[in-house]
PDB file of N, CA and C in Angstrom:
ATOM      1  N   UNK A   1       1.514   5.072   9.253  1.00  0.00           N
ATOM      2  CA  UNK A   1       1.292   3.611   9.146  1.00  0.00           C
ATOM      3  C   UNK A   1       2.003   2.917  10.182  1.00  0.00           C
ATOM      4  N   UNK A   2       1.306   2.218  11.075  1.00  0.00           N
ATOM      5  CA  UNK A   2       1.866   1.701  12.222  1.00  0.00           C
ATOM      6  C   UNK A   2       2.995   0.687  11.992  1.00  0.00           C
ATOM      7  N   UNK A   3       2.679  -0.252  10.953  1.00  0.00           N
ATOM      8  CA  UNK A   3       3.740  -1.154  10.961  1.00  0.00           C
ATOM      9  C   UNK A   3       4.882  -0.807   9.937  1.00  0.00           C
ATOM     10  N   UNK A   4       4.971   0.418   9.474  1.00  0.00           N
ATOM     11  CA  UNK A   4       6.076   0.903   8.659  1.00  0.00           C
ATOM     12  C   UNK A   4       7.403   0.735   9.413  1.00  0.00           C
ATOM     13  N   UNK A   5       8.352   0.283   8.462  1.00  0.00           N
ATOM     14  CA  UNK A   5       9.805   0.212   9.093  1.00  0.00           C
ATOM     15  C   UNK A   5      10.482   1.214   8.233  1.00  0.00           C
ATOM     16  N   UNK A   6      11.571   1.750   9.060  1.00  0.00           N
ATOM     17  CA  UNK A   6      12.313   2.807   8.210  1.00  0.00           C
ATOM     18  C   UNK A   6      13.527   1.958   7.584  1.00  0.00           C
ATOM     19  N   UNK A   7      13.899   2.315   6.327  1.00  0.00           N
ATOM     20  CA  UNK A   7      15.059   1.777   5.561  1.00  0.00           C
ATOM     21  C   UNK A   7      16.519   1.911   6.427  1.00  0.00           C
ATOM     22  N   UNK A   8      17.192   0.777   6.509  1.00  0.00           N
ATOM     23  CA  UNK A   8      18.392   0.810   6.772  1.00  0.00           C
ATOM     24  C   UNK A   8      19.259   1.642   5.578  1.00  0.00           C
ATOM     25  N   UNK A   9      20.207   2.335   5.831  1.00  0.00           N
ATOM     26  CA  UNK A   9      20.897   2.943   4.504  1.00  0.00           C
ATOM     27  C   UNK A   9      21.439   1.719   3.797  1.00  0.00           C
ATOM     28  N   UNK A  10      21.354   1.864   2.521  1.00  0.00           N
ATOM     29  CA  UNK A  10      21.599   1.066   1.382  1.00  0.00           C
ATOM     30  C   UNK A  10      20.638   0.032   1.214  1.00  0.00           C
ATOM     31  N   UNK A  11      19.607  -0.177   1.861  1.00  0.00           N
ATOM     32  CA  UNK A  11      18.506  -1.152   1.827  1.00  0.00           C
ATOM     33  C   UNK A  11      17.594  -0.787   0.494  1.00  0.00           C
ATOM     34  N   UNK A  12      17.450   0.545   0.116  1.00  0.00           N
ATOM     35  CA  UNK A  12      16.677   0.868  -0.922  1.00  0.00           C
ATOM     36  C   UNK A  12      17.333   0.363  -2.177  1.00  0.00           C
ATOM     37  N   UNK A  13      18.755   0.751  -2.206  1.00  0.00           N
ATOM     38  CA  UNK A  13      19.429   0.355  -3.438  1.00  0.00           C
ATOM     39  C   UNK A  13      19.233  -1.197  -3.729  1.00  0.00           C
ATOM     40  N   UNK A  14      19.440  -2.053  -2.658  1.00  0.00           N
ATOM     41  CA  UNK A  14      19.145  -3.384  -2.721  1.00  0.00           C
ATOM     42  C   UNK A  14      17.716  -3.781  -3.314  1.00  0.00           C
ATOM     43  N   UNK A  15      16.841  -3.220  -2.823  1.00  0.00           N
ATOM     44  CA  UNK A  15      15.471  -3.520  -3.201  1.00  0.00           C
ATOM     45  C   UNK A  15      15.217  -3.059  -4.553  1.00  0.00           C
ATOM     46  N   UNK A  16      15.686  -1.900  -5.078  1.00  0.00           N
ATOM     47  CA  UNK A  16      15.493  -1.433  -6.382  1.00  0.00           C
ATOM     48  C   UNK A  16      16.154  -2.422  -7.257  1.00  0.00           C
ATOM     49  N   UNK A  17      17.423  -2.784  -7.096  1.00  0.00           N
ATOM     50  CA  UNK A  17      18.123  -3.641  -7.859  1.00  0.00           C
ATOM     51  C   UNK A  17      17.390  -5.141  -7.932  1.00  0.00           C
ATOM     52  N   UNK A  18      16.735  -5.594  -6.883  1.00  0.00           N
ATOM     53  CA  UNK A  18      16.120  -6.649  -6.933  1.00  0.00           C
ATOM     54  C   UNK A  18      14.767  -6.786  -7.736  1.00  0.00           C
ATOM     55  N   UNK A  19      14.019  -5.682  -7.618  1.00  0.00           N
ATOM     56  CA  UNK A  19      12.747  -5.561  -8.295  1.00  0.00           C
ATOM     57  C   UNK A  19      13.194  -5.632  -9.838  1.00  0.00           C
ATOM     58  N   UNK A  20      14.239  -4.718 -10.163  1.00  0.00           N
ATOM     59  CA  UNK A  20      14.620  -4.784 -11.589  1.00  0.00           C
ATOM     60  C   UNK A  20      15.367  -5.992 -12.087  1.00  0.00           C
ATOM     61  N   UNK A  21      15.645  -6.910 -11.346  1.00  0.00           N
ATOM     62  CA  UNK A  21      16.033  -8.320 -11.670  1.00  0.00           C
ATOM     63  C   UNK A  21      15.074  -9.108 -12.384  1.00  0.00           C
ATOM     64  N   UNK A  22      13.748  -8.806 -12.023  1.00  0.00           N
ATOM     65  CA  UNK A  22      12.633  -9.399 -12.696  1.00  0.00           C
ATOM     66  C   UNK A  22      12.220  -8.913 -14.013  1.00  0.00           C
ATOM     67  N   UNK A  23      12.847  -7.675 -14.354  1.00  0.00           N
ATOM     68  CA  UNK A  23      12.533  -7.034 -15.645  1.00  0.00           C
ATOM     69  C   UNK A  23      12.379  -5.588 -15.413  1.00  0.00           C
ATOM     70  N   UNK A  24      12.515  -4.969 -16.606  1.00  0.00           N
ATOM     71  CA  UNK A  24      12.366  -3.428 -16.670  1.00  0.00           C
ATOM     72  C   UNK A  24      11.051  -2.913 -15.927  1.00  0.00           C
ATOM     73  N   UNK A  25      10.992  -1.868 -15.467  1.00  0.00           N
ATOM     74  CA  UNK A  25       9.956  -1.260 -14.552  1.00  0.00           C
ATOM     75  C   UNK A  25      10.129   0.252 -14.749  1.00  0.00           C
ATOM     76  N   UNK A  26       8.966   1.020 -14.586  1.00  0.00           N
ATOM     77  CA  UNK A  26       9.060   2.409 -14.298  1.00  0.00           C
ATOM     78  C   UNK A  26       8.963   2.725 -12.881  1.00  0.00           C
ATOM     79  N   UNK A  27       9.393   3.824 -12.552  1.00  0.00           N
ATOM     80  CA  UNK A  27       9.723   4.326 -11.080  1.00  0.00           C
ATOM     81  C   UNK A  27       8.343   3.884 -10.169  1.00  0.00           C
ATOM     82  N   UNK A  28       7.325   4.429 -10.509  1.00  0.00           N
ATOM     83  CA  UNK A  28       6.142   4.135  -9.874  1.00  0.00           C
ATOM     84  C   UNK A  28       5.815   2.486  -9.700  1.00  0.00           C
ATOM     85  N   UNK A  29       6.083   1.880 -10.584  1.00  0.00           N
ATOM     86  CA  UNK A  29       5.929   0.239 -10.586  1.00  0.00           C
ATOM     87  C   UNK A  29       6.997  -0.309  -9.650  1.00  0.00           C
ATOM     88  N   UNK A  30       8.134   0.216  -9.518  1.00  0.00           N
ATOM     89  CA  UNK A  30       9.195  -0.174  -8.727  1.00  0.00           C
ATOM     90  C   UNK A  30       8.681   0.140  -7.151  1.00  0.00           C
ATOM     91  N   UNK A  31       8.346   1.240  -6.924  1.00  0.00           N
ATOM     92  CA  UNK A  31       7.588   1.456  -5.652  1.00  0.00           C
ATOM     93  C   UNK A  31       6.565   0.540  -5.165  1.00  0.00           C
ATOM     94  N   UNK A  32       5.694   0.398  -6.336  1.00  0.00           N
ATOM     95  CA  UNK A  32       4.521  -0.591  -6.008  1.00  0.00           C
ATOM     96  C   UNK A  32       4.861  -1.935  -5.602  1.00  0.00           C
ATOM     97  N   UNK A  33       5.945  -2.462  -6.482  1.00  0.00           N
ATOM     98  CA  UNK A  33       6.482  -3.832  -6.387  1.00  0.00           C
ATOM     99  C   UNK A  33       7.053  -3.889  -4.964  1.00  0.00           C
ATOM    100  N   UNK A  34       7.795  -2.880  -4.347  1.00  0.00           N
ATOM    101  CA  UNK A  34       8.347  -3.053  -3.069  1.00  0.00           C
ATOM    102  C   UNK A  34       7.406  -3.161  -1.979  1.00  0.00           C
ATOM    103  N   UNK A  35       6.340  -2.187  -2.209  1.00  0.00           N
ATOM    104  CA  UNK A  35       5.275  -2.074  -1.219  1.00  0.00           C
ATOM    105  C   UNK A  35       4.386  -3.496  -1.270  1.00  0.00           C
ATOM    106  N   UNK A  36       3.940  -3.883  -2.353  1.00  0.00           N
ATOM    107  CA  UNK A  36       3.315  -5.153  -2.395  1.00  0.00           C
ATOM    108  C   UNK A  36       4.009  -6.552  -1.943  1.00  0.00           C
ATOM    109  N   UNK A  37       5.194  -6.483  -2.399  1.00  0.00           N
ATOM    110  CA  UNK A  37       5.902  -7.751  -2.077  1.00  0.00           C
ATOM    111  C   UNK A  37       6.342  -7.700  -0.591  1.00  0.00           C
ATOM    112  N   UNK A  38       6.378  -6.492   0.014  1.00  0.00           N
ATOM    113  CA  UNK A  38       6.651  -6.469   1.544  1.00  0.00           C
ATOM    114  C   UNK A  38       5.390  -6.654   2.379  1.00  0.00           C
ATOM    115  N   UNK A  39       4.277  -7.025   1.798  1.00  0.00           N
ATOM    116  CA  UNK A  39       2.920  -6.840   2.347  1.00  0.00           C
ATOM    117  C   UNK A  39       2.807  -5.647   3.198  1.00  0.00           C
ATOM    118  N   UNK A  40       2.844  -4.388   2.418  1.00  0.00           N
ATOM    119  CA  UNK A  40       2.706  -3.303   2.837  1.00  0.00           C
ATOM    120  C   UNK A  40       3.420  -2.660   4.013  1.00  0.00           C
ATOM    121  N   UNK A  41       4.468  -3.409   4.358  1.00  0.00           N
ATOM    122  CA  UNK A  41       5.381  -2.876   5.454  1.00  0.00           C
ATOM    123  C   UNK A  41       6.266  -1.804   4.987  1.00  0.00           C
ATOM    124  N   UNK A  42       6.715  -2.010   3.680  1.00  0.00           N
ATOM    125  CA  UNK A  42       7.833  -0.999   3.219  1.00  0.00           C
ATOM    126  C   UNK A  42       7.009  -0.126   2.124  1.00  0.00           C
ATOM    127  N   UNK A  43       7.459   1.004   2.335  1.00  0.00           N
ATOM    128  CA  UNK A  43       6.598   2.026   1.322  1.00  0.00           C
ATOM    129  C   UNK A  43       7.871   3.138   1.066  1.00  0.00           C
ATOM    130  N   UNK A  44       8.116   3.215  -0.288  1.00  0.00           N
ATOM    131  CA  UNK A  44       9.151   4.142  -0.679  1.00  0.00           C
ATOM    132  C   UNK A  44       8.486   5.386  -1.136  1.00  0.00           C
ATOM    133  N   UNK A  45       8.852   6.435  -0.423  1.00  0.00           N
ATOM    134  CA  UNK A  45       8.395   7.730  -0.973  1.00  0.00           C
ATOM    135  C   UNK A  45       8.960   8.289  -2.226  1.00  0.00           C
ATOM    136  N   UNK A  46       8.366   8.966  -3.160  1.00  0.00           N
ATOM    137  CA  UNK A  46       9.029   9.458  -4.417  1.00  0.00           C
ATOM    138  C   UNK A  46      10.316  10.277  -4.079  1.00  0.00           C
ATOM    139  N   UNK A  47      10.394  10.945  -3.024  1.00  0.00           N
ATOM    140  CA  UNK A  47      11.336  11.639  -2.557  1.00  0.00           C
ATOM    141  C   UNK A  47      12.599  10.983  -2.334  1.00  0.00           C
ATOM    142  N   UNK A  48      12.391   9.751  -2.173  1.00  0.00           N
ATOM    143  CA  UNK A  48      13.621   8.778  -1.751  1.00  0.00           C
ATOM    144  C   UNK A  48      13.877   8.029  -3.109  1.00  0.00           C
ATOM    145  N   UNK A  49      12.893   7.528  -3.763  1.00  0.00           N
ATOM    146  CA  UNK A  49      12.909   6.667  -4.823  1.00  0.00           C
ATOM    147  C   UNK A  49      13.548   7.216  -6.174  1.00  0.00           C
ATOM    148  N   UNK A  50      13.121   8.364  -6.648  1.00  0.00           N
ATOM    149  CA  UNK A  50      13.612   8.802  -7.734  1.00  0.00           C
ATOM    150  C   UNK A  50      15.044   9.338  -7.630  1.00  0.00           C
ATOM    151  N   UNK A  51      15.533  10.010  -6.592  1.00  0.00           N
ATOM    152  CA  UNK A  51      16.940  10.260  -6.422  1.00  0.00           C
ATOM    153  C   UNK A  51      17.651   9.115  -6.388  1.00  0.00           C
ATOM    154  N   UNK A  52      17.227   8.084  -5.818  1.00  0.00           N
ATOM    155  CA  UNK A  52      17.914   6.687  -5.727  1.00  0.00           C
ATOM    156  C   UNK A  52      18.161   6.139  -7.147  1.00  0.00           C
ATOM    157  N   UNK A  53      17.027   6.189  -7.828  1.00  0.00           N
ATOM    158  CA  UNK A  53      17.312   5.707  -9.333  1.00  0.00           C
ATOM    159  C   UNK A  53      18.120   6.384 -10.243  1.00  0.00           C
ATOM    160  N   UNK A  54      18.331   7.711  -9.967  1.00  0.00           N
ATOM    161  CA  UNK A  54      19.161   8.619 -10.657  1.00  0.00           C
ATOM    162  C   UNK A  54      20.445   8.325 -10.237  1.00  0.00           C
ATOM    163  N   UNK A  55      20.861   8.025  -8.935  1.00  0.00           N
ATOM    164  CA  UNK A  55      22.197   7.700  -8.380  1.00  0.00           C
ATOM    165  C   UNK A  55      22.616   6.438  -8.881  1.00  0.00           C
ATOM    166  N   UNK A  56      21.690   5.303  -8.869  1.00  0.00           N
ATOM    167  CA  UNK A  56      22.079   4.138  -9.344  1.00  0.00           C
ATOM    168  C   UNK A  56      22.351   4.071 -11.034  1.00  0.00           C
ATOM    169  N   UNK A  57      21.487   4.986 -11.696  1.00  0.00           N
ATOM    170  CA  UNK A  57      21.838   5.105 -13.045  1.00  0.00           C
ATOM    171  C   UNK A  57      23.204   6.004 -13.212  1.00  0.00           C
ATOM    172  N   UNK A  58      23.437   6.882 -12.819  1.00  0.00           N
ATOM    173  CA  UNK A  58      24.765   7.475 -12.589  1.00  0.00           C
ATOM    174  C   UNK A  58      26.033   6.467 -12.428  1.00  0.00           C
ATOM    175  N   UNK A  59      25.813   5.675 -11.314  1.00  0.00           N
ATOM    176  CA  UNK A  59      26.910   4.641 -11.216  1.00  0.00           C
ATOM    177  C   UNK A  59      26.967   3.499 -12.275  1.00  0.00           C
ATOM    178  N   UNK A  60      26.058   3.647 -13.212  1.00  0.00           N
ATOM    179  CA  UNK A  60      26.187   2.421 -14.333  1.00  0.00           C
ATOM    180  C   UNK A  60      25.265   1.275 -13.977  1.00  0.00           C
ATOM    181  N   UNK A  61      24.645   1.057 -12.864  1.00  0.00           N
ATOM    182  CA  UNK A  61      23.917  -0.014 -12.471  1.00  0.00           C
ATOM    183  C   UNK A  61      22.642  -0.172 -13.100  1.00  0.00           C
ATOM    184  N   UNK A  62      22.088   0.846 -13.673  1.00  0.00           N
ATOM    185  CA  UNK A  62      20.760   1.048 -14.199  1.00  0.00           C
ATOM    186  C   UNK A  62      20.924   1.793 -15.646  1.00  0.00           C
ATOM    187  N   UNK A  63      20.010   1.394 -16.535  1.00  0.00           N
ATOM    188  CA  UNK A  63      19.958   2.043 -17.703  1.00  0.00           C
ATOM    189  C   UNK A  63      18.345   2.597 -17.881  1.00  0.00           C
ATOM    190  N   UNK A  64      18.030   3.344 -18.547  1.00  0.00           N
ATOM    191  CA  UNK A  64      16.772   3.892 -18.507  1.00  0.00           C
ATOM    192  C   UNK A  64      16.377   4.401 -20.141  1.00  0.00           C
ATOM    193  N   UNK A  65      15.047   4.406 -20.323  1.00  0.00           N
ATOM    194  CA  UNK A  65      14.425   4.741 -21.604  1.00  0.00           C
ATOM    195  C   UNK A  65      12.969   5.148 -21.497  1.00  0.00           C
ATOM    196  N   UNK A  66      12.506   6.071 -22.298  1.00  0.00           N
ATOM    197  CA  UNK A  66      11.194   6.419 -22.242  1.00  0.00           C
ATOM    198  C   UNK A  66      10.338   5.475 -23.056  1.00  0.00           C
ATOM    199  N   UNK A  67       9.296   5.054 -22.368  1.00  0.00           N
ATOM    200  CA  UNK A  67       8.307   4.340 -23.138  1.00  0.00           C
ATOM    201  C   UNK A  67       6.865   4.598 -22.788  1.00  0.00           C
ATOM    202  N   UNK A  68       5.950   4.019 -23.323  1.00  0.00           N
ATOM    203  CA  UNK A  68       4.465   4.244 -22.917  1.00  0.00           C
ATOM    204  C   UNK A  68       4.245   3.049 -21.821  1.00  0.00           C
ATOM    205  N   UNK A  69       3.520   3.520 -20.809  1.00  0.00           N
ATOM    206  CA  UNK A  69       3.342   2.501 -19.503  1.00  0.00           C
ATOM    207  C   UNK A  69       2.012   1.986 -19.980  1.00  0.00           C
ATOM    208  N   UNK A  70       1.576   1.035 -19.066  1.00  0.00           N
ATOM    209  CA  UNK A  70       0.297   0.398 -19.085  1.00  0.00           C
ATOM    210  C   UNK A  70      -0.960   1.440 -19.258  1.00  0.00           C
ATOM    211  N   UNK A  71      -0.779   2.446 -18.745  1.00  0.00           N
ATOM    212  CA  UNK A  71      -1.854   3.626 -18.391  1.00  0.00           C
ATOM    213  C   UNK A  71      -1.688   4.431 -19.706  1.00  0.00           C
ATOM    214  N   UNK A  72      -0.945   4.028 -20.726  1.00  0.00           N
ATOM    215  CA  UNK A  72      -0.739   4.747 -22.047  1.00  0.00           C
ATOM    216  C   UNK A  72      -0.204   6.171 -21.857  1.00  0.00           C
ATOM    217  N   UNK A  73       0.741   6.334 -20.852  1.00  0.00           N
ATOM    218  CA  UNK A  73       1.343   7.584 -20.460  1.00  0.00           C
ATOM    219  C   UNK A  73       3.014   7.537 -20.700  1.00  0.00           C
ATOM    220  N   UNK A  74       3.543   8.425 -21.101  1.00  0.00           N
ATOM    221  CA  UNK A  74       5.155   8.300 -21.198  1.00  0.00           C
ATOM    222  C   UNK A  74       5.651   8.059 -19.720  1.00  0.00           C
ATOM    223  N   UNK A  75       6.553   7.127 -19.749  1.00  0.00           N
ATOM    224  CA  UNK A  75       7.202   6.776 -18.445  1.00  0.00           C
ATOM    225  C   UNK A  75       8.568   6.426 -18.712  1.00  0.00           C
ATOM    226  N   UNK A  76       9.456   6.745 -17.641  1.00  0.00           N
ATOM    227  CA  UNK A  76      10.826   6.374 -17.840  1.00  0.00           C
ATOM    228  C   UNK A  76      11.143   4.897 -17.346  1.00  0.00           C
ATOM    229  N   UNK A  77      11.448   3.985 -18.027  1.00  0.00           N
ATOM    230  CA  UNK A  77      11.428   2.543 -17.751  1.00  0.00           C
ATOM    231  C   UNK A  77      13.127   2.365 -17.418  1.00  0.00           C
ATOM    232  N   UNK A  78      13.222   1.637 -16.220  1.00  0.00           N
ATOM    233  CA  UNK A  78      14.655   1.432 -15.800  1.00  0.00           C
ATOM    234  C   UNK A  78      14.899  -0.147 -15.964  1.00  0.00           C
ATOM    235  N   UNK A  79      16.063  -0.552 -16.185  1.00  0.00           N
ATOM    236  CA  UNK A  79      16.474  -1.930 -16.212  1.00  0.00           C
ATOM    237  C   UNK A  79      17.997  -1.970 -15.733  1.00  0.00           C
ATOM    238  N   UNK A  80      18.151  -3.199 -15.302  1.00  0.00           N
ATOM    239  CA  UNK A  80      19.544  -3.479 -14.817  1.00  0.00           C
ATOM    240  C   UNK A  80      20.519  -3.566 -15.756  1.00  0.00           C
ATOM    241  N   UNK A  81      21.768  -3.023 -15.686  1.00  0.00           N
ATOM    242  CA  UNK A  81      22.939  -3.219 -16.666  1.00  0.00           C
ATOM    243  C   UNK A  81      23.670  -4.504 -16.075  1.00  0.00           C
ATOM    244  N   UNK A  82      24.578  -5.185 -16.944  1.00  0.00           N
ATOM    245  CA  UNK A  82      25.488  -6.130 -16.397  1.00  0.00           C
ATOM    246  C   UNK A  82      26.361  -5.654 -15.071  1.00  0.00           C
ATOM    247  N   UNK A  83      26.556  -4.359 -15.090  1.00  0.00           N
ATOM    248  CA  UNK A  83      27.285  -4.080 -13.880  1.00  0.00           C
ATOM    249  C   UNK A  83      26.248  -4.115 -12.475  1.00  0.00           C
ATOM    250  N   UNK A  84      25.123  -3.599 -12.906  1.00  0.00           N
ATOM    251  CA  UNK A  84      23.947  -3.547 -11.926  1.00  0.00           C
ATOM    252  C   UNK A  84      23.451  -5.295 -11.342  1.00  0.00           C
ATOM    253  N   UNK A  85      23.748  -6.057 -12.309  1.00  0.00           N
ATOM    254  CA  UNK A  85      23.590  -7.375 -11.979  1.00  0.00           C
ATOM    255  C   UNK A  85      24.633  -7.948 -10.948  1.00  0.00           C
ATOM    256  N   UNK A  86      25.879  -7.540 -11.488  1.00  0.00           N
ATOM    257  CA  UNK A  86      27.069  -7.934 -10.340  1.00  0.00           C
ATOM    258  C   UNK A  86      26.881  -7.299  -9.039  1.00  0.00           C
ATOM    259  N   UNK A  87      26.304  -5.909  -9.159  1.00  0.00           N
ATOM    260  CA  UNK A  87      26.183  -5.193  -7.786  1.00  0.00           C
ATOM    261  C   UNK A  87      25.107  -5.772  -6.862  1.00  0.00           C
ATOM    262  N   UNK A  88      24.053  -6.240  -7.609  1.00  0.00           N
ATOM    263  CA  UNK A  88      22.994  -6.997  -6.812  1.00  0.00           C
ATOM    264  C   UNK A  88      23.546  -8.100  -6.036  1.00  0.00           C
ATOM    265  N   UNK A  89      24.490  -8.938  -6.728  1.00  0.00           N
ATOM    266  CA  UNK A  89      25.060 -10.126  -6.166  1.00  0.00           C
ATOM    267  C   UNK A  89      25.764  -9.628  -4.849  1.00  0.00           C
ATOM    268  N   UNK A  90      26.551  -8.541  -5.019  1.00  0.00           N
ATOM    269  CA  UNK A  90      27.446  -8.121  -3.851  1.00  0.00           C
ATOM    270  C   UNK A  90      26.596  -7.566  -2.689  1.00  0.00           C
ATOM    271  N   UNK A  91      25.226  -6.700  -3.054  1.00  0.00           N
ATOM    272  CA  UNK A  91      24.357  -6.331  -2.031  1.00  0.00           C
ATOM    273  C   UNK A  91      23.777  -7.431  -1.442  1.00  0.00           C
ATOM    274  N   UNK A  92      23.355  -8.412  -2.180  1.00  0.00           N
ATOM    275  CA  UNK A  92      22.650  -9.578  -1.374  1.00  0.00           C
ATOM    276  C   UNK A  92      23.650 -10.294  -0.422  1.00  0.00           C
ATOM    277  N   UNK A  93      25.032 -10.352  -0.915  1.00  0.00           N
ATOM    278  CA  UNK A  93      25.950 -10.990   0.048  1.00  0.00           C
ATOM    279  C   UNK A  93      26.092 -10.053   1.379  1.00  0.00           C
ATOM    280  N   UNK A  94      26.178  -8.839   1.158  1.00  0.00           N
ATOM    281  CA  UNK A  94      26.152  -7.859   2.381  1.00  0.00           C
ATOM    282  C   UNK A  94      25.093  -8.133   3.109  1.00  0.00           C
ATOM    283  N   UNK A  95      23.879  -8.048   2.460  1.00  0.00           N
ATOM    284  CA  UNK A  95      22.481  -8.205   3.286  1.00  0.00           C
ATOM    285  C   UNK A  95      22.545  -9.480   4.015  1.00  0.00           C
ATOM    286  N   UNK A  96      22.903 -10.598   3.522  1.00  0.00           N
ATOM    287  CA  UNK A  96      22.908 -11.755   4.306  1.00  0.00           C
ATOM    288  C   UNK A  96      24.006 -11.755   5.447  1.00  0.00           C
ATOM    289  N   UNK A  97      25.150 -11.029   5.295  1.00  0.00           N
ATOM    290  CA  UNK A  97      26.086 -10.884   6.396  1.00  0.00           C
ATOM    291  C   UNK A  97      25.525 -10.111   7.671  1.00  0.00           C
ATOM    292  N   UNK A  98      24.674  -9.094   7.095  1.00  0.00           N
ATOM    293  CA  UNK A  98      24.138  -8.078   8.093  1.00  0.00           C
ATOM    294  C   UNK A  98      22.978  -8.936   8.889  1.00  0.00           C
ATOM    295  N   UNK A  99      22.245  -9.784   8.150  1.00  0.00           N
ATOM    296  CA  UNK A  99      21.147 -10.426   8.855  1.00  0.00           C
ATOM    297  C   UNK A  99      21.757 -11.426   9.814  1.00  0.00           C
ATOM    298  N   UNK A 100      22.862 -12.246   9.379  1.00  0.00           N
ATOM    299  CA  UNK A 100      23.404 -13.208  10.270  1.00  0.00           C
ATOM    300  C   UNK A 100      24.242 -12.264  11.524  1.00  0.00           C
ATOM    301  N   UNK A 101      24.703 -11.210  11.257  1.00  0.00           N
ATOM    302  CA  UNK A 101      25.276 -10.473  12.503  1.00  0.00           C
ATOM    303  C   UNK A 101      24.185 -10.057  13.461  1.00  0.00           C
ATOM    304  N   UNK A 102      23.047  -9.577  12.880  1.00  0.00           N
ATOM    305  CA  UNK A 102      21.977  -9.166  13.660  1.00  0.00           C
ATOM    306  C   UNK A 102      21.425 -10.319  14.601  1.00  0.00           C
ATOM    307  N   UNK A 103      21.293 -11.504  13.908  1.00  0.00           N
ATOM    308  CA  UNK A 103      20.710 -12.700  14.621  1.00  0.00           C
ATOM    309  C   UNK A 103      21.715 -13.161  15.558  1.00  0.00           C
ATOM    310  N   UNK A 104      22.909 -13.037  15.320  1.00  0.00           N
ATOM    311  CA  UNK A 104      24.054 -13.600  16.336  1.00  0.00           C
ATOM    312  C   UNK A 104      23.811 -12.642  17.628  1.00  0.00           C
ATOM    313  N   UNK A 105      23.759 -11.344  17.323  1.00  0.00           N
ATOM    314  CA  UNK A 105      23.644 -10.373  18.604  1.00  0.00           C
ATOM    315  C   UNK A 105      22.356 -10.452  19.103  1.00  0.00           C
ATOM    316  N   UNK A 106      21.195 -11.006  18.883  1.00  0.00           N
ATOM    317  CA  UNK A 106      20.059 -11.061  19.450  1.00  0.00           C
ATOM    318  C   UNK A 106      19.960 -12.349  20.253  1.00  0.00           C
ATOM    319  N   UNK A 107      20.862 -13.363  19.891  1.00  0.00           N
ATOM    320  CA  UNK A 107      20.989 -14.610  20.796  1.00  0.00           C
ATOM    321  C   UNK A 107      21.443 -14.173  22.196  1.00  0.00           C
ATOM    322  N   UNK A 108      20.777 -14.879  23.233  1.00  0.00           N
ATOM    323  CA  UNK A 108      21.467 -14.843  24.402  1.00  0.00           C
ATOM    324  C   UNK A 108      22.785 -15.236  24.628  1.00  0.00           C
ATOM    325  N   UNK A 109      23.496 -14.665  25.532  1.00  0.00           N
ATOM    326  CA  UNK A 109      25.030 -15.043  25.678  1.00  0.00           C
ATOM    327  C   UNK A 109      25.013 -16.268  26.658  1.00  0.00           C
ATOM    328  N   UNK A 110      25.596 -17.367  26.333  1.00  0.00           N
ATOM    329  CA  UNK A 110      25.770 -18.560  26.950  1.00  0.00           C
ATOM    330  C   UNK A 110      26.821 -18.435  28.095  1.00  0.00           C
ATOM    331  N   UNK A 111      26.603 -18.607  29.304  1.00  0.00           N
ATOM    332  CA  UNK A 111      27.481 -18.653  30.397  1.00  0.00           C
ATOM    333  C   UNK A 111      27.875 -19.886  30.817  1.00  0.00           C
TER     334      UNK A 111
END
């Protein structure tokens, strides 16, 4: 995919937390939401998504339960925990700092 952009370390966690802010979702739905909302620029491979979901759940930022999906299949649905909501705020703050730092670095130096 020519427009594909590699993730900066930690970015996937932020995106997962953000998607789940809008409500519980199964893994495939989380990946789809990231792809669609990024206008096809970001695509999360299952080999990255599911280990990240499990890691975030181990940290206590997500909780999960088995439910039936829209396709009438059993799927594990993830949701933010209160700690996950707090972590999302921290991640958003760090992201904004990073964006500002990169923007400052991109500006030409005034002599």
